[in-house]
Amino acid sequence: MTVQAGAWQGGARGSGKSVGAAVLGAILTLLIFVAVFVSFLIAPLALLLVAFLAWTVMKPRQGSDSAPTAGDGAAPGDDASYGFGAGAR
């Protein structure tokens, strides 16, 4: 019965990947890393863009019933509650 010496036993034949396979594996690993890294950078920006587009679509259209401006003649005593802090009376 004969026992063959494998590469793990320090045999004469070198096994493992060829140079081309090693380079291809390194390039593939780098491409996967870049894809994942860029996706983590781009995902928040894409989410902000989607949220902004949803906000612009869902925003109520301001027509003729907009809040009165300063020149509309509303006296300070009138019940013209609009604008910032209107609920804090």
Protein backbone atom coordinates (compact mmCIF):
# COMPACT_ATOMS: atom_id res chain seq x y z
CA MET A 1 0.00 0.00 0.00
CA THR A 2 1.41 3.37 -1.01
CA VAL A 3 0.66 6.74 0.51
CA GLN A 4 0.76 9.76 -1.73
CA ALA A 5 2.17 12.95 -0.34
CA GLY A 6 -0.30 15.78 -0.99
CA ALA A 7 0.32 19.49 -1.05
CA TRP A 8 -0.66 19.76 2.60
CA GLN A 9 2.13 17.36 3.41
CA GLY A 10 4.74 19.34 1.56
CA GLY A 11 4.78 17.29 -1.60
CA ALA A 12 6.72 18.20 -4.71
CA ARG A 13 3.66 19.27 -6.70
CA GLY A 14 2.43 22.75 -5.82
CA SER A 15 -1.33 22.91 -5.75
CA GLY A 16 -3.66 25.81 -5.32
CA LYS A 17 -4.81 28.54 -7.61
CA SER A 18 -3.05 29.59 -10.73
CA VAL A 19 -1.91 33.18 -11.05
CA GLY A 20 -4.82 34.02 -13.37
CA ALA A 21 -7.37 32.53 -10.99
CA ALA A 22 -5.85 34.41 -8.06
CA VAL A 23 -5.93 37.71 -9.94
CA LEU A 24 -9.51 37.06 -11.07
CA GLY A 25 -10.51 36.29 -7.47
CA ALA A 26 -8.87 39.47 -6.20
CA ILE A 27 -10.58 41.60 -8.86
CA LEU A 28 -13.94 39.97 -8.14
CA THR A 29 -13.51 40.58 -4.42
CA LEU A 30 -12.64 44.23 -5.06
CA LEU A 31 -15.68 44.68 -7.32
CA ILE A 32 -17.99 43.20 -4.70
CA PHE A 33 -16.47 45.44 -2.03
CA VAL A 34 -16.89 48.56 -4.20
CA ALA A 35 -20.49 47.64 -5.06
CA VAL A 36 -21.45 47.18 -1.41
CA PHE A 37 -19.55 50.29 -0.28
CA VAL A 38 -21.06 52.50 -2.98
CA SER A 39 -24.54 51.15 -2.28
CA PHE A 40 -24.22 52.20 1.36
CA LEU A 41 -23.19 55.67 0.20
CA ILE A 42 -25.88 56.00 -2.47
CA ALA A 43 -28.81 54.49 -0.54
CA PRO A 44 -29.33 57.46 1.83
CA LEU A 45 -29.19 59.91 -1.05
CA ALA A 46 -31.68 57.84 -3.03
CA LEU A 47 -33.97 57.67 0.00
CA LEU A 48 -33.80 61.44 0.41
CA LEU A 49 -34.61 61.91 -3.28
CA VAL A 50 -37.63 59.61 -3.03
CA ALA A 51 -38.83 61.41 0.11
CA PHE A 52 -38.43 64.80 -1.59
CA LEU A 53 -40.35 63.64 -4.65
CA ALA A 54 -43.13 62.25 -2.44
CA TRP A 55 -43.24 65.54 -0.54
CA THR A 56 -43.55 67.59 -3.72
CA VAL A 57 -46.34 65.35 -5.02
CA MET A 58 -48.26 65.23 -1.74
CA LYS A 59 -47.80 68.93 -0.93
CA PRO A 60 -51.15 70.74 -1.07
CA ARG A 61 -51.54 73.01 -4.01
CA GLN A 62 -51.77 76.65 -2.96
CA GLY A 63 -54.54 78.27 -4.92
CA SER A 64 -56.56 81.42 -4.42
CA ASP A 65 -57.36 80.63 -0.77
CA SER A 66 -53.82 81.28 0.42
CA ALA A 67 -52.99 83.06 3.65
CA PRO A 68 -53.50 86.82 3.56
CA THR A 69 -50.43 88.95 3.11
CA ALA A 70 -49.48 92.04 5.09
CA GLY A 71 -51.17 94.37 2.58
CA ASP A 72 -54.63 92.74 2.80
CA GLY A 73 -55.82 95.11 5.53
CA ALA A 74 -56.11 92.61 8.36
CA ALA A 75 -56.07 94.57 11.60
CA PRO A 76 -53.95 93.27 14.48
CA GLY A 77 -57.12 92.59 16.53
CA ASP A 78 -58.79 90.53 13.81
CA ASP A 79 -58.87 86.76 13.97
CA ALA A 80 -56.25 86.36 11.28
CA SER A 81 -54.43 83.41 12.77
CA TYR A 82 -52.01 82.18 10.19
CA GLY A 83 -48.29 81.71 9.76
CA PHE A 84 -45.62 80.70 12.21
CA GLY A 85 -46.79 80.52 15.82
CA ALA A 86 -50.45 81.02 14.92
CA GLY A 87 -51.58 78.43 17.46
CA ALA A 88 -49.71 80.01 20.37
CA ARG A 89 -52.26 82.58 21.52
